[in-house]
Amino acid sequence: MSGASERARPGAATRPRWVAVEGERVEPGRAVVSIFDRGLLYGDGVFETMRVDRGRVHRLDEHLCRLAWSCERVGIIPTWTSAALQAEVERFVDTVLHEVDQEISTSTPLALRVFVTRGEGPLGLDPEGADAPLRFAIAEPLRALPPAAYAEGVAVVTWATHRASDAARGAKVTSYLESILALRHARSRGAHEALVVDGAGWVLEGATSSLFAVRDGVLETPPLDDRILPGITRRAVLEAARELGTPFVERRLAPDDLASADELFVTSSLRGPLPVVDIDGHRVGAGRPGPRWAALARAYGEREGLPVPDAALV
């Protein structure tokens, strides 16, 4: 099958995209998943989102390790080895990068997503009989935030919910309905991100990000538990903080703790550290990106070999 990226056509996305199913390159318009696949029917799957920048997948080993960990947590048994999957992903990325100059600038970062579903099985929730998991990958140009998002900061809102996905004990699952609804709520309020608040009133994380606060020079972040995704960028920021000598602590945070913080920022693989200047309509700190965020964003970008926001270089 042809490996050409998807072209603009009525009703289709105009941005180029590249797809591989079970390791084989497929035209995006011809890539299909069975209507009996449990990932489609029940959100029964896991995934990873990665950044491809300057010809490499950022922290690929860690992402694939977390993908395997997520599979284990939800009871999906891969029919491939970790080494084989890594080689498959690297081969796919190499092919995409070879084609990129046909579509976009080779300096354009890419967003790469790798999915694993439990595959097909008998209808019904019981996963018994679904023993052939499906894997596929999608790459597309990174939809980068405008520089103003880093220079001026973004707004967030809190969103109280009981997440069905918490039963997956922190795995990065494809059951994202709660996050979709949370982001829909955030957009309706003119905010960039929603921060998930559990039934006890603690802020867990963003719908698509990890969360950090700064108070009296100390970096604070919610502790990892069975409901919080062990963010890879979160870990990288903590490593940068350690190198800078920035004190940090993992502790539970309530909405009032965030509102009274000196600085807030969220992190993800595609956005890096992103400053937050407004929460639920209330100004955070001085109402602009703070010096601790700038230092950490600069250190993170430099140590990871990723672009540093202009605002962090001032």
Protein backbone atom coordinates (compact mmCIF):
# COMPACT_ATOMS: atom_id res chain seq x y z
CA MET A 1 0.00 0.00 0.00
CA SER A 2 1.13 3.54 -0.70
CA GLY A 3 2.88 5.44 2.07
CA ALA A 4 1.82 8.89 0.85
CA SER A 5 0.55 11.26 3.49
CA GLU A 6 -3.07 12.35 3.43
CA ARG A 7 -3.86 15.15 0.98
CA ALA A 8 -6.51 17.81 1.36
CA ARG A 9 -9.92 16.75 0.14
CA PRO A 10 -13.48 17.83 0.96
CA GLY A 11 -14.29 16.92 4.54
CA ALA A 12 -10.75 15.85 5.44
CA ALA A 13 -8.04 17.52 7.48
CA THR A 14 -5.76 19.69 5.37
CA ARG A 15 -2.66 18.98 7.43
CA PRO A 16 -0.44 16.08 6.30
CA ARG A 17 -0.66 12.94 8.42
CA TRP A 18 1.16 9.64 8.34
CA VAL A 19 -0.16 6.31 9.64
CA ALA A 20 1.19 2.83 10.35
CA VAL A 21 -0.98 -0.14 11.37
CA GLU A 22 0.74 -3.20 12.82
CA GLY A 23 4.02 -1.69 11.62
CA GLU A 24 2.89 -1.29 8.00
CA ARG A 25 2.57 2.15 6.40
CA VAL A 26 -0.97 2.86 5.25
CA GLU A 27 -2.54 5.82 3.48
CA PRO A 28 -4.48 7.68 6.17
CA GLY A 29 -7.68 7.53 4.15
CA ARG A 30 -7.34 3.74 3.92
CA ALA A 31 -6.40 3.08 7.55
CA VAL A 32 -9.28 1.24 9.22
CA VAL A 33 -10.15 -0.33 12.54
CA SER A 34 -12.80 -3.02 12.82
CA ILE A 35 -16.14 -1.92 14.26
CA PHE A 36 -15.68 -4.86 16.66
CA ASP A 37 -12.39 -3.52 18.02
CA ARG A 38 -12.73 -2.97 21.76
CA GLY A 39 -10.81 0.27 21.56
CA LEU A 40 -13.58 1.68 19.38
CA LEU A 41 -16.47 0.08 21.26
CA TYR A 42 -15.35 0.58 24.85
CA GLY A 43 -12.24 2.77 24.88
CA ASP A 44 -10.37 -0.40 25.86
CA GLY A 45 -6.83 0.63 25.02
CA VAL A 46 -3.77 2.66 25.97
CA PHE A 47 -1.58 5.16 24.14
CA GLU A 48 1.41 7.49 24.27
CA THR A 49 1.92 10.97 22.80
CA MET A 50 5.48 11.93 21.90
CA ARG A 51 7.30 14.87 20.36
CA VAL A 52 9.59 14.37 17.37
CA ASP A 53 12.07 17.23 17.17
CA ARG A 54 15.34 17.66 15.26
CA GLY A 55 15.15 14.15 13.90
CA ARG A 56 14.55 12.28 17.14
CA VAL A 57 11.68 11.09 19.29
CA HIS A 58 11.96 12.82 22.64
CA ARG A 59 12.43 10.28 25.46
CA LEU A 60 11.23 7.39 23.29
CA ASP A 61 12.50 4.73 25.71
CA GLU A 62 10.53 6.22 28.59
CA HIS A 63 7.36 6.59 26.55
CA LEU A 64 7.46 2.99 25.35
CA CYS A 65 8.25 1.80 28.88
CA ARG A 66 5.18 3.67 30.14
CA LEU A 67 3.11 2.21 27.28
CA ALA A 68 4.10 -1.31 28.38
CA TRP A 69 3.32 -0.35 32.00
CA SER A 70 -0.13 0.90 30.94
CA CYS A 71 -0.75 -2.36 29.06
CA GLU A 72 0.14 -4.32 32.18
CA ARG A 73 -2.13 -2.18 34.37
CA VAL A 74 -5.19 -2.81 32.18
CA GLY A 75 -4.34 -6.45 31.38
CA ILE A 76 -3.47 -6.12 27.69
CA ILE A 77 -0.85 -8.73 26.81
CA PRO A 78 1.32 -7.59 23.87
CA THR A 79 2.13 -10.09 21.14
CA TRP A 80 5.38 -8.25 20.35
CA THR A 81 8.58 -7.56 22.26
CA SER A 82 9.58 -4.14 23.55
CA ALA A 83 12.62 -4.15 21.28
CA ALA A 84 10.49 -4.97 18.24
CA LEU A 85 8.06 -2.16 19.02
CA GLN A 86 10.87 0.34 19.48
CA ALA A 87 12.43 -0.66 16.16
CA GLU A 88 9.01 -0.42 14.51
CA VAL A 89 8.39 3.09 15.86
CA GLU A 90 11.89 4.26 14.89
CA ARG A 91 11.44 2.86 11.37
CA PHE A 92 8.08 4.62 11.03
CA VAL A 93 9.53 7.93 12.21
CA ASP A 94 12.52 7.62 9.87
CA THR A 95 10.16 7.05 6.96
CA VAL A 96 8.01 10.02 7.92
CA LEU A 97 11.03 12.31 8.29
CA HIS A 98 12.25 11.21 4.87
CA GLU A 99 8.90 12.28 3.40
CA VAL A 100 8.52 15.47 5.42
CA ASP A 101 10.36 17.69 2.95
CA GLN A 102 7.69 16.78 0.42
CA GLU A 103 5.02 18.34 2.63
CA ILE A 104 6.42 20.70 5.26
CA SER A 105 9.71 22.09 6.50
CA THR A 106 12.05 19.44 7.89
CA SER A 107 12.52 21.70 10.93
CA THR A 108 8.84 21.39 11.85
CA PRO A 109 8.35 19.28 15.01
CA LEU A 110 5.94 16.37 14.78
CA ALA A 111 3.42 14.92 17.20
CA LEU A 112 3.59 11.13 17.31
CA ARG A 113 0.92 8.96 18.92
CA VAL A 114 1.20 5.22 19.44
CA PHE A 115 -1.97 3.30 20.35
CA VAL A 116 -2.59 -0.24 21.58
CA THR A 117 -6.14 -1.59 21.84
CA ARG A 118 -7.24 -4.93 23.21
CA GLY A 119 -8.34 -5.80 19.67
CA GLU A 120 -11.44 -7.65 18.56
CA GLY A 121 -13.42 -9.93 20.83
CA PRO A 122 -16.95 -11.10 21.58
CA LEU A 123 -19.46 -8.31 22.10
CA GLY A 124 -19.89 -7.39 25.75
CA LEU A 125 -17.64 -5.95 28.41
CA ASP A 126 -15.93 -9.22 29.35
CA PRO A 127 -12.48 -9.08 27.68
CA GLU A 128 -12.24 -12.87 27.59
CA GLY A 129 -11.52 -13.96 24.03
CA ALA A 130 -9.86 -10.69 22.99
CA ASP A 131 -6.29 -11.94 22.75
CA ALA A 132 -4.96 -10.21 19.62
CA PRO A 133 -4.20 -6.59 20.57
CA LEU A 134 -3.98 -4.02 17.80
CA ARG A 135 -1.27 -1.38 17.55
CA PHE A 136 -1.09 1.65 15.30
CA ALA A 137 0.76 4.95 15.09
CA ILE A 138 -0.16 8.40 13.79
CA ALA A 139 2.21 11.29 13.10
CA GLU A 140 1.38 14.85 12.07
CA PRO A 141 2.96 18.30 12.28
CA LEU A 142 2.93 19.58 15.84
CA ARG A 143 0.19 22.12 16.48
CA ALA A 144 2.44 24.46 18.42
CA LEU A 145 0.98 27.06 20.73
CA PRO A 146 1.54 30.70 19.75
CA PRO A 147 4.51 32.43 21.44
CA ALA A 148 2.02 34.62 23.34
CA ALA A 149 0.87 31.56 25.31
CA TYR A 150 4.33 31.40 26.89
CA ALA A 151 4.98 35.14 26.99
CA GLU A 152 1.65 36.04 28.57
CA GLY A 153 0.56 32.75 30.17
CA VAL A 154 -2.76 30.95 29.89
CA ALA A 155 -5.93 30.55 31.95
CA VAL A 156 -7.18 27.33 33.54
CA VAL A 157 -10.35 26.30 35.32
CA THR A 158 -11.00 23.62 37.92
CA TRP A 159 -13.32 20.74 37.07
CA ALA A 160 -14.72 18.46 39.78
CA THR A 161 -15.43 14.94 38.55
CA HIS A 162 -15.27 11.26 39.37
CA ARG A 163 -13.22 9.70 36.56
CA ALA A 164 -14.09 6.21 35.42
CA SER A 165 -10.53 5.98 34.09
CA ASP A 166 -9.17 6.15 37.66
CA ALA A 167 -9.90 2.43 37.85
CA ALA A 168 -6.96 1.98 35.45
CA ARG A 169 -4.65 3.08 38.31
CA GLY A 170 -2.79 5.83 36.50
CA ALA A 171 -2.43 4.09 33.12
CA LYS A 172 -2.65 6.31 30.03
CA VAL A 173 -5.88 4.89 28.67
CA THR A 174 -7.87 5.81 25.56
CA SER A 175 -11.04 6.33 27.65
CA TYR A 176 -10.78 10.12 27.53
CA LEU A 177 -14.43 11.16 27.76
CA GLU A 178 -13.96 12.86 31.14
CA SER A 179 -11.01 14.83 29.79
CA ILE A 180 -12.94 15.74 26.66
CA LEU A 181 -15.81 17.08 28.75
CA ALA A 182 -13.38 18.91 31.04
CA LEU A 183 -11.67 20.57 28.08
CA ARG A 184 -15.02 21.42 26.54
CA HIS A 185 -15.91 23.16 29.80
CA ALA A 186 -12.56 24.98 29.82
CA ARG A 187 -13.03 26.22 26.27
CA SER A 188 -16.51 27.47 27.11
CA ARG A 189 -14.91 29.58 29.86
CA GLY A 190 -12.17 30.89 27.56
CA ALA A 191 -9.52 28.80 29.32
CA HIS A 192 -6.73 26.68 27.88
CA GLU A 193 -6.84 23.73 30.31
CA ALA A 194 -9.03 22.14 32.96
CA LEU A 195 -7.58 20.94 36.27
CA VAL A 196 -9.25 17.80 37.56
CA VAL A 197 -10.52 17.95 41.16
CA ASP A 198 -11.44 14.66 42.85
CA GLY A 199 -14.34 13.95 45.21
CA ALA A 200 -12.23 14.86 48.25
CA GLY A 201 -11.44 18.29 46.82
CA TRP A 202 -7.83 17.66 45.77
CA VAL A 203 -6.48 18.80 42.42
CA LEU A 204 -4.98 15.78 40.66
CA GLU A 205 -3.64 17.02 37.32
CA GLY A 206 -4.72 18.76 34.15
CA ALA A 207 -7.01 17.05 31.66
CA THR A 208 -3.97 16.72 29.38
CA SER A 209 -1.10 17.82 31.60
CA SER A 210 0.77 17.58 34.89
CA LEU A 211 0.54 20.43 37.39
CA PHE A 212 3.12 22.51 39.27
CA ALA A 213 2.82 25.39 41.73
CA VAL A 214 5.54 27.66 43.15
CA ARG A 215 5.27 29.00 46.69
CA ASP A 216 8.04 30.92 48.47
CA GLY A 217 10.56 29.60 45.96
CA VAL A 218 9.57 25.95 46.49
CA LEU A 219 8.20 23.88 43.60
CA GLU A 220 5.07 21.90 44.52
CA THR A 221 3.37 19.14 42.55
CA PRO A 222 0.69 16.57 43.44
CA PRO A 223 2.17 13.21 44.49
CA LEU A 224 1.98 10.27 42.14
CA ASP A 225 -0.65 7.74 43.11
CA ASP A 226 -2.94 5.32 41.35
CA ARG A 227 -4.99 8.16 39.86
CA ILE A 228 -2.27 10.40 38.46
CA LEU A 229 -0.40 9.73 35.24
CA PRO A 230 3.37 9.59 35.86
CA GLY A 231 4.13 12.38 33.42
CA ILE A 232 7.39 12.07 31.51
CA THR A 233 7.75 15.84 31.13
CA ARG A 234 6.85 16.15 34.81
CA ARG A 235 9.80 13.92 35.64
CA ALA A 236 12.09 15.89 33.32
CA VAL A 237 11.10 19.18 35.00
CA LEU A 238 11.85 17.71 38.42
CA GLU A 239 15.24 16.57 37.12
CA ALA A 240 15.88 20.12 35.88
CA ALA A 241 14.81 21.51 39.26
CA ARG A 242 17.26 19.21 41.01
CA GLU A 243 20.10 20.37 38.74
CA LEU A 244 19.21 24.02 39.38
CA GLY A 245 19.06 23.47 43.12
CA THR A 246 15.37 24.41 43.18
CA PRO A 247 13.68 22.82 46.20
CA PHE A 248 10.57 20.80 45.40
CA VAL A 249 8.00 18.81 47.29
CA GLU A 250 5.20 16.44 46.33
CA ARG A 251 2.06 17.27 48.27
CA ARG A 252 -1.67 17.34 47.82
CA LEU A 253 -3.00 20.64 46.50
CA ALA A 254 -6.47 22.11 46.84
CA PRO A 255 -7.91 24.81 44.54
CA ASP A 256 -7.26 27.42 47.26
CA ASP A 257 -3.58 26.39 47.32
CA LEU A 258 -3.34 27.08 43.61
CA ALA A 259 -5.15 30.40 43.83
CA SER A 260 -2.68 31.60 46.49
CA ALA A 261 0.45 30.31 44.74
CA ASP A 262 3.15 32.67 43.48
CA GLU A 263 3.31 30.83 40.15
CA LEU A 264 1.53 27.98 38.36
CA PHE A 265 2.42 26.04 35.26
CA VAL A 266 1.40 22.82 33.53
CA THR A 267 3.53 20.39 31.54
CA SER A 268 3.07 17.91 28.71
CA SER A 269 5.24 16.28 26.06
CA LEU A 270 3.99 18.52 23.27
CA ARG A 271 3.81 21.82 25.16
CA GLY A 272 6.67 21.53 27.63
CA PRO A 273 6.29 23.81 30.70
CA LEU A 274 3.43 26.27 30.04
CA PRO A 275 2.80 29.16 32.47
CA VAL A 276 -0.64 29.70 34.01
CA VAL A 277 -1.64 33.23 35.02
CA ASP A 278 -5.35 32.80 35.75
CA ILE A 279 -7.34 30.13 37.58
CA ASP A 280 -11.12 30.21 37.67
CA GLY A 281 -11.06 33.89 36.73
CA HIS A 282 -8.61 34.88 39.48
CA ARG A 283 -5.10 36.18 38.85
CA VAL A 284 -2.20 33.95 39.84
CA GLY A 285 0.65 35.77 41.53
CA ALA A 286 1.65 38.86 39.56
CA GLY A 287 -0.57 37.85 36.67
CA ARG A 288 2.34 37.05 34.34
CA PRO A 289 4.77 34.15 33.84
CA GLY A 290 7.11 34.01 36.81
CA PRO A 291 10.87 33.73 37.19
CA ARG A 292 10.82 30.18 38.55
CA TRP A 293 8.85 28.99 35.49
CA ALA A 294 11.29 30.85 33.20
CA ALA A 295 14.34 29.25 34.82
CA LEU A 296 12.85 25.77 34.70
CA ALA A 297 11.55 26.17 31.13
CA ARG A 298 14.99 27.31 30.03
CA ALA A 299 16.76 24.49 31.86
CA TYR A 300 14.26 21.92 30.59
CA GLY A 301 14.66 23.00 26.96
CA GLU A 302 18.43 23.14 27.12
CA ARG A 303 18.92 19.79 28.86
CA GLU A 304 16.36 18.03 26.65
CA GLY A 305 17.57 19.56 23.39
CA LEU A 306 14.19 21.18 22.72
CA PRO A 307 13.25 24.75 21.77
CA VAL A 308 13.16 27.20 24.68
CA PRO A 309 10.23 29.68 24.68
CA ASP A 310 11.42 33.22 23.94
CA ALA A 311 9.72 34.37 27.14
CA ALA A 312 11.99 32.09 29.16
CA LEU A 313 15.11 33.64 27.63
CA VAL A 314 14.34 37.19 28.71
